[in-house]
C-alpha atoms as a PDB file:
ATOM      1  CA  UNK A   1       0.000   0.000   0.000  1.00  0.00           C
ATOM      2  CA  UNK A   2       1.148   3.498  -0.895  1.00  0.00           C
ATOM      3  CA  UNK A   3       0.141   6.668   0.929  1.00  0.00           C
ATOM      4  CA  UNK A   4      -0.842   9.778  -1.038  1.00  0.00           C
ATOM      5  CA  UNK A   5      -0.667  13.114   0.780  1.00  0.00           C
ATOM      6  CA  UNK A   6      -1.844  16.204  -1.148  1.00  0.00           C
ATOM      7  CA  UNK A   7      -0.026  19.290   0.195  1.00  0.00           C
ATOM      8  CA  UNK A   8      -0.319  21.707  -2.731  1.00  0.00           C
ATOM      9  CA  UNK A   9      -2.792  24.148  -1.138  1.00  0.00           C
ATOM     10  CA  UNK A  10      -1.920  27.749  -0.339  1.00  0.00           C
ATOM     11  CA  UNK A  11      -3.446  27.693   3.174  1.00  0.00           C
ATOM     12  CA  UNK A  12      -5.065  31.113   2.771  1.00  0.00           C
ATOM     13  CA  UNK A  13      -6.873  30.956   6.131  1.00  0.00           C
ATOM     14  CA  UNK A  14      -3.536  30.726   7.968  1.00  0.00           C
ATOM     15  CA  UNK A  15      -1.961  33.804   6.440  1.00  0.00           C
ATOM     16  CA  UNK A  16       0.392  35.555   7.065  1.00  0.00           C
ATOM     17  CA  UNK A  17       2.182  32.352   8.131  1.00  0.00           C
ATOM     18  CA  UNK A  18       1.538  30.528   4.849  1.00  0.00           C
ATOM     19  CA  UNK A  19       3.118  33.308   2.813  1.00  0.00           C
ATOM     20  CA  UNK A  20       6.496  31.851   3.791  1.00  0.00           C
ATOM     21  CA  UNK A  21       5.676  28.354   5.091  1.00  0.00           C
ATOM     22  CA  UNK A  22       3.527  25.584   3.586  1.00  0.00           C
ATOM     23  CA  UNK A  23       0.462  24.844   5.694  1.00  0.00           C
ATOM     24  CA  UNK A  24       1.621  21.237   6.222  1.00  0.00           C
ATOM     25  CA  UNK A  25       4.812  22.507   7.910  1.00  0.00           C
ATOM     26  CA  UNK A  26       3.042  24.751  10.426  1.00  0.00           C
ATOM     27  CA  UNK A  27       4.112  23.594  13.928  1.00  0.00           C
ATOM     28  CA  UNK A  28       1.664  22.090  16.386  1.00  0.00           C
ATOM     29  CA  UNK A  29       2.367  20.389  19.737  1.00  0.00           C
ATOM     30  CA  UNK A  30       6.091  20.090  19.016  1.00  0.00           C
ATOM     31  CA  UNK A  31       5.759  18.596  15.511  1.00  0.00           C
ATOM     32  CA  UNK A  32       4.595  19.717  12.094  1.00  0.00           C
ATOM     33  CA  UNK A  33       1.135  18.870  10.789  1.00  0.00           C
ATOM     34  CA  UNK A  34       2.816  16.733   8.101  1.00  0.00           C
ATOM     35  CA  UNK A  35       4.858  14.778  10.660  1.00  0.00           C
ATOM     36  CA  UNK A  36       1.741  13.804  12.579  1.00  0.00           C
ATOM     37  CA  UNK A  37       0.323  12.308   9.368  1.00  0.00           C
ATOM     38  CA  UNK A  38       3.481  10.560   8.137  1.00  0.00           C
ATOM     39  CA  UNK A  39       4.423   9.152  11.565  1.00  0.00           C
ATOM     40  CA  UNK A  40       0.917   7.758  12.051  1.00  0.00           C
ATOM     41  CA  UNK A  41       0.911   5.974   8.687  1.00  0.00           C
ATOM     42  CA  UNK A  42       4.504   4.747   8.960  1.00  0.00           C
ATOM     43  CA  UNK A  43       3.825   3.272  12.409  1.00  0.00           C
ATOM     44  CA  UNK A  44       1.124   1.150  10.729  1.00  0.00           C
ATOM     45  CA  UNK A  45       3.617  -0.218   8.197  1.00  0.00           C
ATOM     46  CA  UNK A  46       3.358   2.142   5.223  1.00  0.00           C
ATOM     47  CA  UNK A  47       6.811   3.064   3.934  1.00  0.00           C
ATOM     48  CA  UNK A  48       6.118   4.502   0.460  1.00  0.00           C
ATOM     49  CA  UNK A  49       4.652   7.983   0.190  1.00  0.00           C
ATOM     50  CA  UNK A  50       3.551  10.205  -2.682  1.00  0.00           C
ATOM     51  CA  UNK A  51       3.442  13.917  -1.882  1.00  0.00           C
ATOM     52  CA  UNK A  52       1.463  16.166  -4.223  1.00  0.00           C
ATOM     53  CA  UNK A  53       3.208  19.527  -3.949  1.00  0.00           C
ATOM     54  CA  UNK A  54       2.611  22.953  -5.419  1.00  0.00           C
ATOM     55  CA  UNK A  55       2.773  26.205  -3.474  1.00  0.00           C
ATOM     56  CA  UNK A  56       6.164  26.346  -1.658  1.00  0.00           C
ATOM     57  CA  UNK A  57       6.625  22.711  -2.673  1.00  0.00           C
ATOM     58  CA  UNK A  58      10.416  22.901  -2.482  1.00  0.00           C
ATOM     59  CA  UNK A  59      10.124  23.390   1.287  1.00  0.00           C
ATOM     60  CA  UNK A  60       7.992  20.256   1.568  1.00  0.00           C
ATOM     61  CA  UNK A  61      10.562  18.268  -0.429  1.00  0.00           C
ATOM     62  CA  UNK A  62      13.481  19.529   1.634  1.00  0.00           C
ATOM     63  CA  UNK A  63      11.681  18.802   4.912  1.00  0.00           C
ATOM     64  CA  UNK A  64      10.652  15.277   3.901  1.00  0.00           C
ATOM     65  CA  UNK A  65      14.106  14.347   2.582  1.00  0.00           C
ATOM     66  CA  UNK A  66      15.793  15.570   5.757  1.00  0.00           C
ATOM     67  CA  UNK A  67      13.252  14.146   8.211  1.00  0.00           C
ATOM     68  CA  UNK A  68      12.411  10.841   6.520  1.00  0.00           C
ATOM     69  CA  UNK A  69      15.482   9.618   4.598  1.00  0.00           C
ATOM     70  CA  UNK A  70      14.498   6.014   5.428  1.00  0.00           C
ATOM     71  CA  UNK A  71      11.180   6.219   3.556  1.00  0.00           C
ATOM     72  CA  UNK A  72      10.536   5.847  -0.174  1.00  0.00           C
ATOM     73  CA  UNK A  73       9.138   9.225  -1.193  1.00  0.00           C
ATOM     74  CA  UNK A  74       7.855  10.541  -4.519  1.00  0.00           C
ATOM     75  CA  UNK A  75       6.957  14.143  -5.307  1.00  0.00           C
ATOM     76  CA  UNK A  76       4.369  15.116  -7.902  1.00  0.00           C
ATOM     77  CA  UNK A  77       3.952  18.766  -8.821  1.00  0.00           C
ATOM     78  CA  UNK A  78       0.413  20.130  -9.211  1.00  0.00           C
ATOM     79  CA  UNK A  79       1.081  23.298 -11.188  1.00  0.00           C
ATOM     80  CA  UNK A  80      -2.609  24.211 -11.485  1.00  0.00           C
ATOM     81  CA  UNK A  81      -4.860  23.761  -8.465  1.00  0.00           C
ATOM     82  CA  UNK A  82      -7.950  22.216 -10.030  1.00  0.00           C
ATOM     83  CA  UNK A  83      -9.156  20.246  -7.023  1.00  0.00           C
ATOM     84  CA  UNK A  84      -8.411  17.066  -5.095  1.00  0.00           C
ATOM     85  CA  UNK A  85      -9.548  14.857  -7.976  1.00  0.00           C
ATOM     86  CA  UNK A  86      -7.060  16.497 -10.312  1.00  0.00           C
ATOM     87  CA  UNK A  87      -4.325  16.132  -7.683  1.00  0.00           C
ATOM     88  CA  UNK A  88      -4.909  12.398  -7.197  1.00  0.00           C
ATOM     89  CA  UNK A  89      -5.026  11.773 -10.959  1.00  0.00           C
ATOM     90  CA  UNK A  90      -1.435  13.040 -11.213  1.00  0.00           C
ATOM     91  CA  UNK A  91      -0.264  10.038  -9.142  1.00  0.00           C
ATOM     92  CA  UNK A  92      -1.589   7.375 -11.529  1.00  0.00           C
ATOM     93  CA  UNK A  93       1.752   6.269 -13.007  1.00  0.00           C
ATOM     94  CA  UNK A  94       3.408   5.963  -9.578  1.00  0.00           C
ATOM     95  CA  UNK A  95       0.538   4.101  -7.918  1.00  0.00           C
ATOM     96  CA  UNK A  96       0.136   1.437 -10.608  1.00  0.00           C
ATOM     97  CA  UNK A  97      -2.188  -1.261  -9.277  1.00  0.00           C
ATOM     98  CA  UNK A  98      -1.330  -0.871  -5.592  1.00  0.00           C
ATOM     99  CA  UNK A  99      -3.885   0.031  -2.957  1.00  0.00           C
ATOM    100  CA  UNK A 100      -3.642   3.600  -1.689  1.00  0.00           C
ATOM    101  CA  UNK A 101      -4.333   5.466   1.527  1.00  0.00           C
ATOM    102  CA  UNK A 102      -5.089   9.118   0.750  1.00  0.00           C
ATOM    103  CA  UNK A 103      -4.744  11.560   3.646  1.00  0.00           C
ATOM    104  CA  UNK A 104      -5.318  15.251   3.027  1.00  0.00           C
ATOM    105  CA  UNK A 105      -2.303  17.275   4.151  1.00  0.00           C
ATOM    106  CA  UNK A 106      -4.101  19.181   6.923  1.00  0.00           C
ATOM    107  CA  UNK A 107      -5.864  16.144   8.434  1.00  0.00           C
ATOM    108  CA  UNK A 108      -4.776  15.085  11.920  1.00  0.00           C
ATOM    109  CA  UNK A 109      -7.179  12.430  13.207  1.00  0.00           C
ATOM    110  CA  UNK A 110      -7.198   9.842  15.941  1.00  0.00           C
ATOM    111  CA  UNK A 111      -8.307   6.411  14.690  1.00  0.00           C
ATOM    112  CA  UNK A 112      -7.174   2.773  14.437  1.00  0.00           C
ATOM    113  CA  UNK A 113      -4.949   2.910  11.350  1.00  0.00           C
ATOM    114  CA  UNK A 114      -4.208  -0.832  11.318  1.00  0.00           C
ATOM    115  CA  UNK A 115      -7.889  -1.714  11.480  1.00  0.00           C
ATOM    116  CA  UNK A 116      -8.569   0.494   8.464  1.00  0.00           C
ATOM    117  CA  UNK A 117      -5.614  -0.883   6.486  1.00  0.00           C
ATOM    118  CA  UNK A 118      -6.537  -4.513   7.242  1.00  0.00           C
ATOM    119  CA  UNK A 119     -10.213  -4.120   6.323  1.00  0.00           C
ATOM    120  CA  UNK A 120     -11.303  -6.111   3.232  1.00  0.00           C
ATOM    121  CA  UNK A 121     -13.210  -3.036   2.038  1.00  0.00           C
ATOM    122  CA  UNK A 122     -12.304   0.390   0.804  1.00  0.00           C
ATOM    123  CA  UNK A 123     -12.773   2.737   3.769  1.00  0.00           C
ATOM    124  CA  UNK A 124     -13.687   6.397   4.234  1.00  0.00           C
ATOM    125  CA  UNK A 125     -13.213   8.307   7.499  1.00  0.00           C
ATOM    126  CA  UNK A 126     -16.250  10.219   8.758  1.00  0.00           C
ATOM    127  CA  UNK A 127     -17.286  12.337  11.731  1.00  0.00           C
ATOM    128  CA  UNK A 128     -20.623  13.807  12.736  1.00  0.00           C
ATOM    129  CA  UNK A 129     -20.632  17.615  12.434  1.00  0.00           C
ATOM    130  CA  UNK A 130     -23.154  20.317  13.255  1.00  0.00           C
ATOM    131  CA  UNK A 131     -23.003  22.000   9.837  1.00  0.00           C
ATOM    132  CA  UNK A 132     -21.876  19.667   7.012  1.00  0.00           C
ATOM    133  CA  UNK A 133     -22.297  22.207   4.193  1.00  0.00           C
ATOM    134  CA  UNK A 134     -18.545  22.934   4.052  1.00  0.00           C
ATOM    135  CA  UNK A 135     -17.517  19.274   3.785  1.00  0.00           C
ATOM    136  CA  UNK A 136     -17.895  16.224   1.622  1.00  0.00           C
ATOM    137  CA  UNK A 137     -20.953  14.431   3.026  1.00  0.00           C
ATOM    138  CA  UNK A 138     -21.674  10.687   3.179  1.00  0.00           C
ATOM    139  CA  UNK A 139     -25.080   8.977   3.187  1.00  0.00           C
ATOM    140  CA  UNK A 140     -24.613   5.697   5.045  1.00  0.00           C
ATOM    141  CA  UNK A 141     -26.814   2.581   5.296  1.00  0.00           C
ATOM    142  CA  UNK A 142     -27.580   0.611   8.453  1.00  0.00           C
ATOM    143  CA  UNK A 143     -24.503  -1.633   7.991  1.00  0.00           C
ATOM    144  CA  UNK A 144     -22.063   1.251   7.629  1.00  0.00           C
ATOM    145  CA  UNK A 145     -21.698   1.067   3.847  1.00  0.00           C
ATOM    146  CA  UNK A 146     -21.758   4.334   1.946  1.00  0.00           C
ATOM    147  CA  UNK A 147     -24.653   4.804  -0.464  1.00  0.00           C
ATOM    148  CA  UNK A 148     -23.851   8.268  -1.803  1.00  0.00           C
ATOM    149  CA  UNK A 149     -21.294  11.057  -1.528  1.00  0.00           C
ATOM    150  CA  UNK A 150     -21.674  14.732  -2.337  1.00  0.00           C
ATOM    151  CA  UNK A 151     -19.213  17.624  -2.012  1.00  0.00           C
ATOM    152  CA  UNK A 152     -20.365  20.629   0.062  1.00  0.00           C
ATOM    153  CA  UNK A 153     -24.121  20.206  -0.485  1.00  0.00           C
ATOM    154  CA  UNK A 154     -26.353  23.236   0.012  1.00  0.00           C
ATOM    155  CA  UNK A 155     -29.026  20.952   1.493  1.00  0.00           C
ATOM    156  CA  UNK A 156     -27.204  18.047   3.181  1.00  0.00           C
ATOM    157  CA  UNK A 157     -28.972  14.694   3.472  1.00  0.00           C
ATOM    158  CA  UNK A 158     -26.609  13.647   6.250  1.00  0.00           C
ATOM    159  CA  UNK A 159     -24.465  15.256   8.934  1.00  0.00           C
ATOM    160  CA  UNK A 160     -21.649  12.725   8.436  1.00  0.00           C
ATOM    161  CA  UNK A 161     -18.683  14.644   7.044  1.00  0.00           C
ATOM    162  CA  UNK A 162     -15.682  13.188   5.233  1.00  0.00           C
ATOM    163  CA  UNK A 163     -12.593  14.031   7.282  1.00  0.00           C
ATOM    164  CA  UNK A 164      -9.941  13.535   4.561  1.00  0.00           C
ATOM    165  CA  UNK A 165      -9.052   9.845   5.094  1.00  0.00           C
ATOM    166  CA  UNK A 166      -9.585   7.504   2.136  1.00  0.00           C
ATOM    167  CA  UNK A 167      -8.350   3.911   1.855  1.00  0.00           C
ATOM    168  CA  UNK A 168      -8.998   2.742  -1.692  1.00  0.00           C
ATOM    169  CA  UNK A 169      -8.503  -0.859  -2.819  1.00  0.00           C
ATOM    170  CA  UNK A 170      -9.697  -0.657  -6.447  1.00  0.00           C
ATOM    171  CA  UNK A 171      -7.262   1.978  -7.689  1.00  0.00           C
ATOM    172  CA  UNK A 172      -7.781   1.132 -11.380  1.00  0.00           C
ATOM    173  CA  UNK A 173     -11.461   1.832 -10.811  1.00  0.00           C
ATOM    174  CA  UNK A 174     -10.570   5.119  -9.085  1.00  0.00           C
ATOM    175  CA  UNK A 175      -8.515   6.407 -12.009  1.00  0.00           C
ATOM    176  CA  UNK A 176     -11.231   5.348 -14.465  1.00  0.00           C
ATOM    177  CA  UNK A 177     -13.749   7.470 -12.563  1.00  0.00           C
ATOM    178  CA  UNK A 178     -11.312  10.384 -12.384  1.00  0.00           C
ATOM    179  CA  UNK A 179     -10.900  10.160 -16.165  1.00  0.00           C
ATOM    180  CA  UNK A 180     -14.713  10.162 -16.446  1.00  0.00           C
ATOM    181  CA  UNK A 181     -14.869  13.438 -14.487  1.00  0.00           C
ATOM    182  CA  UNK A 182     -12.365  15.080 -16.835  1.00  0.00           C
ATOM    183  CA  UNK A 183     -13.952  13.688 -20.013  1.00  0.00           C
ATOM    184  CA  UNK A 184     -17.420  14.893 -18.978  1.00  0.00           C
ATOM    185  CA  UNK A 185     -16.091  18.052 -17.284  1.00  0.00           C
ATOM    186  CA  UNK A 186     -17.884  17.162 -14.044  1.00  0.00           C
ATOM    187  CA  UNK A 187     -16.952  19.704 -11.382  1.00  0.00           C
ATOM    188  CA  UNK A 188     -18.195  20.652  -7.931  1.00  0.00           C
ATOM    189  CA  UNK A 189     -17.735  24.278  -6.905  1.00  0.00           C
ATOM    190  CA  UNK A 190     -15.483  24.847  -9.916  1.00  0.00           C
ATOM    191  CA  UNK A 191     -13.053  21.970  -9.198  1.00  0.00           C
ATOM    192  CA  UNK A 192     -12.556  18.294  -9.958  1.00  0.00           C
ATOM    193  CA  UNK A 193     -13.234  16.709  -6.585  1.00  0.00           C
ATOM    194  CA  UNK A 194     -12.130  13.352  -5.233  1.00  0.00           C
ATOM    195  CA  UNK A 195     -15.573  13.089  -3.593  1.00  0.00           C
ATOM    196  CA  UNK A 196     -17.234  13.000  -7.027  1.00  0.00           C
ATOM    197  CA  UNK A 197     -14.840  10.298  -8.275  1.00  0.00           C
ATOM    198  CA  UNK A 198     -15.576   8.139  -5.216  1.00  0.00           C
ATOM    199  CA  UNK A 199     -19.327   8.620  -5.733  1.00  0.00           C
ATOM    200  CA  UNK A 200     -18.829   7.519  -9.350  1.00  0.00           C
ATOM    201  CA  UNK A 201     -17.135   4.347  -8.069  1.00  0.00           C
ATOM    202  CA  UNK A 202     -20.069   3.659  -5.718  1.00  0.00           C
ATOM    203  CA  UNK A 203     -22.612   4.143  -8.510  1.00  0.00           C
ATOM    204  CA  UNK A 204     -20.669   1.620 -10.611  1.00  0.00           C
ATOM    205  CA  UNK A 205     -20.697  -0.994  -7.870  1.00  0.00           C
ATOM    206  CA  UNK A 206     -17.654  -0.337  -5.647  1.00  0.00           C
ATOM    207  CA  UNK A 207     -18.133  -1.060  -1.938  1.00  0.00           C
ATOM    208  CA  UNK A 208     -17.038   1.609   0.553  1.00  0.00           C
ATOM    209  CA  UNK A 209     -17.415   1.192   4.278  1.00  0.00           C
ATOM    210  CA  UNK A 210     -17.308   4.110   6.694  1.00  0.00           C
ATOM    211  CA  UNK A 211     -15.264   4.339   9.864  1.00  0.00           C
ATOM    212  CA  UNK A 212     -15.625   6.980  12.552  1.00  0.00           C
ATOM    213  CA  UNK A 213     -12.590   8.844  13.812  1.00  0.00           C
ATOM    214  CA  UNK A 214     -12.306   9.380  17.557  1.00  0.00           C
ATOM    215  CA  UNK A 215     -10.952  12.914  17.242  1.00  0.00           C
ATOM    216  CA  UNK A 216     -10.494  15.301  14.323  1.00  0.00           C
ATOM    217  CA  UNK A 217      -8.033  18.126  14.973  1.00  0.00           C
ATOM    218  CA  UNK A 218      -8.815  21.175  12.874  1.00  0.00           C
ATOM    219  CA  UNK A 219      -5.653  22.973  11.716  1.00  0.00           C
ATOM    220  CA  UNK A 220      -7.299  25.208   9.138  1.00  0.00           C
ATOM    221  CA  UNK A 221      -7.169  28.612  10.846  1.00  0.00           C
ATOM    222  CA  UNK A 222      -5.466  30.328  13.770  1.00  0.00           C
ATOM    223  CA  UNK A 223      -8.177  29.809  16.395  1.00  0.00           C
ATOM    224  CA  UNK A 224      -8.741  26.109  15.705  1.00  0.00           C
ATOM    225  CA  UNK A 225      -5.000  25.466  15.290  1.00  0.00           C
ATOM    226  CA  UNK A 226      -4.387  26.828  18.798  1.00  0.00           C
ATOM    227  CA  UNK A 227      -7.256  24.736  20.171  1.00  0.00           C
ATOM    228  CA  UNK A 228      -5.822  21.619  18.515  1.00  0.00           C
ATOM    229  CA  UNK A 229      -2.352  22.459  19.849  1.00  0.00           C
ATOM    230  CA  UNK A 230      -3.725  22.620  23.404  1.00  0.00           C
ATOM    231  CA  UNK A 231      -5.700  19.399  23.023  1.00  0.00           C
ATOM    232  CA  UNK A 232      -2.760  17.465  21.594  1.00  0.00           C
ATOM    233  CA  UNK A 233      -0.382  18.745  24.258  1.00  0.00           C
ATOM    234  CA  UNK A 234      -2.828  17.567  26.941  1.00  0.00           C
ATOM    235  CA  UNK A 235      -3.172  14.200  25.232  1.00  0.00           C
ATOM    236  CA  UNK A 236       0.420  13.332  24.295  1.00  0.00           C
ATOM    237  CA  UNK A 237       2.234  15.532  26.795  1.00  0.00           C
ATOM    238  CA  UNK A 238       4.825  18.142  25.958  1.00  0.00           C
ATOM    239  CA  UNK A 239       8.493  17.391  25.388  1.00  0.00           C
ATOM    240  CA  UNK A 240      11.142  19.803  26.660  1.00  0.00           C
ATOM    241  CA  UNK A 241      14.518  19.422  24.955  1.00  0.00           C
ATOM    242  CA  UNK A 242      17.348  18.786  27.434  1.00  0.00           C
ATOM    243  CA  UNK A 243      19.392  21.644  25.906  1.00  0.00           C
ATOM    244  CA  UNK A 244      16.956  24.232  27.326  1.00  0.00           C
ATOM    245  CA  UNK A 245      18.717  26.969  29.339  1.00  0.00           C
ATOM    246  CA  UNK A 246      16.317  28.294  31.958  1.00  0.00           C
ATOM    247  CA  UNK A 247      17.064  31.056  34.473  1.00  0.00           C
ATOM    248  CA  UNK A 248      14.531  32.117  37.112  1.00  0.00           C
ATOM    249  CA  UNK A 249      11.670  30.819  34.961  1.00  0.00           C
ATOM    250  CA  UNK A 250       8.519  28.772  35.547  1.00  0.00           C
ATOM    251  CA  UNK A 251       7.103  26.189  33.141  1.00  0.00           C
ATOM    252  CA  UNK A 252       3.429  25.261  33.543  1.00  0.00           C
ATOM    253  CA  UNK A 253       2.774  21.988  31.654  1.00  0.00           C
ATOM    254  CA  UNK A 254       1.844  20.821  29.155  1.00  0.00           C
ATOM    255  CA  UNK A 255       4.508  22.627  27.146  1.00  0.00           C
ATOM    256  CA  UNK A 256       6.725  21.638  24.197  1.00  0.00           C
ATOM    257  CA  UNK A 257      10.094  23.387  23.837  1.00  0.00           C
ATOM    258  CA  UNK A 258      12.552  22.712  20.996  1.00  0.00           C
ATOM    259  CA  UNK A 259      16.329  22.438  21.053  1.00  0.00           C
ATOM    260  CA  UNK A 260      18.598  25.391  21.868  1.00  0.00           C
ATOM    261  CA  UNK A 261      15.998  27.590  23.585  1.00  0.00           C
ATOM    262  CA  UNK A 262      16.668  30.095  26.362  1.00  0.00           C
ATOM    263  CA  UNK A 263      14.252  31.284  29.062  1.00  0.00           C
ATOM    264  CA  UNK A 264      15.039  34.101  31.489  1.00  0.00           C
ATOM    265  CA  UNK A 265      12.589  35.502  34.031  1.00  0.00           C
ATOM    266  CA  UNK A 266       9.702  33.964  32.108  1.00  0.00           C
ATOM    267  CA  UNK A 267       6.499  32.068  32.780  1.00  0.00           C
ATOM    268  CA  UNK A 268       5.647  29.611  30.002  1.00  0.00           C
ATOM    269  CA  UNK A 269       2.434  27.612  29.761  1.00  0.00           C
ATOM    270  CA  UNK A 270       0.125  25.966  29.828  1.00  0.00           C
ATOM    271  CA  UNK A 271      -0.501  24.838  26.227  1.00  0.00           C
ATOM    272  CA  UNK A 272       2.566  26.438  24.647  1.00  0.00           C
ATOM    273  CA  UNK A 273       4.673  24.985  21.818  1.00  0.00           C
ATOM    274  CA  UNK A 274       8.025  26.679  21.146  1.00  0.00           C
ATOM    275  CA  UNK A 275      10.312  25.981  18.194  1.00  0.00           C
ATOM    276  CA  UNK A 276      14.079  25.546  18.274  1.00  0.00           C
ATOM    277  CA  UNK A 277      16.598  28.269  19.190  1.00  0.00           C
ATOM    278  CA  UNK A 278      14.017  30.705  20.530  1.00  0.00           C
ATOM    279  CA  UNK A 279      14.866  33.231  23.264  1.00  0.00           C
ATOM    280  CA  UNK A 280      12.194  34.432  25.718  1.00  0.00           C
ATOM    281  CA  UNK A 281      12.982  36.958  28.456  1.00  0.00           C
ATOM    282  CA  UNK A 282      10.883  38.827  31.050  1.00  0.00           C
ATOM    283  CA  UNK A 283       7.712  37.477  29.437  1.00  0.00           C
ATOM    284  CA  UNK A 284       4.550  35.476  30.086  1.00  0.00           C
ATOM    285  CA  UNK A 285       3.321  33.144  27.329  1.00  0.00           C
ATOM    286  CA  UNK A 286       0.339  30.802  27.413  1.00  0.00           C
ATOM    287  CA  UNK A 287      -1.999  29.066  24.953  1.00  0.00           C
ATOM    288  CA  UNK A 288       0.303  29.952  22.041  1.00  0.00           C
ATOM    289  CA  UNK A 289       2.554  28.577  19.310  1.00  0.00           C
ATOM    290  CA  UNK A 290       5.948  30.268  18.906  1.00  0.00           C
ATOM    291  CA  UNK A 291       8.229  29.527  15.940  1.00  0.00           C
ATOM    292  CA  UNK A 292      11.978  28.880  15.782  1.00  0.00           C
ATOM    293  CA  UNK A 293      14.731  31.523  16.048  1.00  0.00           C
ATOM    294  CA  UNK A 294      12.261  33.982  17.566  1.00  0.00           C
ATOM    295  CA  UNK A 295      12.952  36.571  20.298  1.00  0.00           C
ATOM    296  CA  UNK A 296      10.350  37.704  22.823  1.00  0.00           C
ATOM    297  CA  UNK A 297      11.223  40.426  25.356  1.00  0.00           C
ATOM    298  CA  UNK A 298       8.951  41.994  27.973  1.00  0.00           C
ATOM    299  CA  UNK A 299       5.722  40.654  26.489  1.00  0.00           C
ATOM    300  CA  UNK A 300       2.538  39.080  27.821  1.00  0.00           C
ATOM    301  CA  UNK A 301       1.121  36.818  25.123  1.00  0.00           C
ATOM    302  CA  UNK A 302      -2.063  34.758  25.127  1.00  0.00           C
ATOM    303  CA  UNK A 303      -3.771  32.846  22.288  1.00  0.00           C
ATOM    304  CA  UNK A 304      -1.100  33.897  19.811  1.00  0.00           C
ATOM    305  CA  UNK A 305       0.531  32.343  16.770  1.00  0.00           C
ATOM    306  CA  UNK A 306       4.011  33.740  16.084  1.00  0.00           C
ATOM    307  CA  UNK A 307       6.181  32.563  13.202  1.00  0.00           C
ATOM    308  CA  UNK A 308       9.911  31.916  12.974  1.00  0.00           C
ATOM    309  CA  UNK A 309      12.636  34.579  12.931  1.00  0.00           C
ATOM    310  CA  UNK A 310      10.256  37.058  14.574  1.00  0.00           C
ATOM    311  CA  UNK A 311      11.115  39.636  17.220  1.00  0.00           C
ATOM    312  CA  UNK A 312       8.483  41.036  19.600  1.00  0.00           C
ATOM    313  CA  UNK A 313       9.192  43.546  22.377  1.00  0.00           C
ATOM    314  CA  UNK A 314       6.994  45.160  24.996  1.00  0.00           C
ATOM    315  CA  UNK A 315       3.294  44.471  24.495  1.00  0.00           C
ATOM    316  CA  UNK A 316       0.292  42.650  25.907  1.00  0.00           C
ATOM    317  CA  UNK A 317      -1.854  41.567  22.958  1.00  0.00           C
ATOM    318  CA  UNK A 318      -3.230  38.577  21.028  1.00  0.00           C
ATOM    319  CA  UNK A 319      -1.110  38.258  17.899  1.00  0.00           C
ATOM    320  CA  UNK A 320      -1.093  36.593  14.480  1.00  0.00           C
ATOM    321  CA  UNK A 321       2.413  37.349  13.207  1.00  0.00           C
ATOM    322  CA  UNK A 322       4.112  35.696  10.238  1.00  0.00           C
ATOM    323  CA  UNK A 323       7.710  34.665   9.659  1.00  0.00           C
ATOM    324  CA  UNK A 324      10.537  37.194   9.328  1.00  0.00           C
ATOM    325  CA  UNK A 325       8.665  39.844  11.319  1.00  0.00           C
ATOM    326  CA  UNK A 326      10.020  42.426  13.741  1.00  0.00           C
ATOM    327  CA  UNK A 327       7.700  44.369  16.038  1.00  0.00           C
ATOM    328  CA  UNK A 328       8.721  46.794  18.765  1.00  0.00           C
ATOM    329  CA  UNK A 329       5.873  48.186  20.869  1.00  0.00           C
ATOM    330  CA  UNK A 330       8.286  49.785  23.339  1.00  0.00           C
END
């Protein structure tokens, strides 16, 4: 089985951070979003990955090659963003006849990966949501098999949303249905969607069974990213690198702190993730994500997302600051 991870999106809802960093490499709970996905799949035995890259794709390639040299990795460039269906179609020659596990590049979920992989059926991850109009939606029978799929319906017939996890056994069938979408120019909301290709497979007799995820961590925008960071830190615990230099400082767990960091007269936590080589002095930080090589001095920060190589001095605010930023409120 091969894993396909589309990471070509621009991540507009996380700007200004995604101007300089791909969404999949945004840090959360001491790791990147992409690492959560790859580690989860690799721990279940998958060792061959196909990354569909586009916007800032060279950063994805560099990160993967440095972090996962032991894995077999392919990179496919999606030069025009025409939807998830178009993205998956680009992988056809690499996939061949193998089964695939498609995980969207911003999807961190808690579920039994081995159970899904070992199932004799194709499987789609679902979760009940209050408002399914912004998701792919599944209509499911009494035995858990999927009868129909529709992308972002205006009048949903179900509140079971697709979470971005797709295990597909009949890959030849998948690419046939993708070709059908292109040949007939079948689009949803102006794009070729994977949801429509899967619904085509179901209409032609393919069997898809649903599985419910225990937790679905939303990383799509600042507020939900910070909530997911706090939840994951509570669940997996924070890791503090032994190289931390701390002087007259207090750490309130759970907190994750990267290598080479310095704290002086600071209170950090709870629910704070700090990247490598960051210096924080005379400051209070909680419920925030701080990037690498960043300097904070005389600040009180709450519910903030601060990128790498940033410098912030003298303020008490909620911030959303991108990479390579310098702010002095003194």
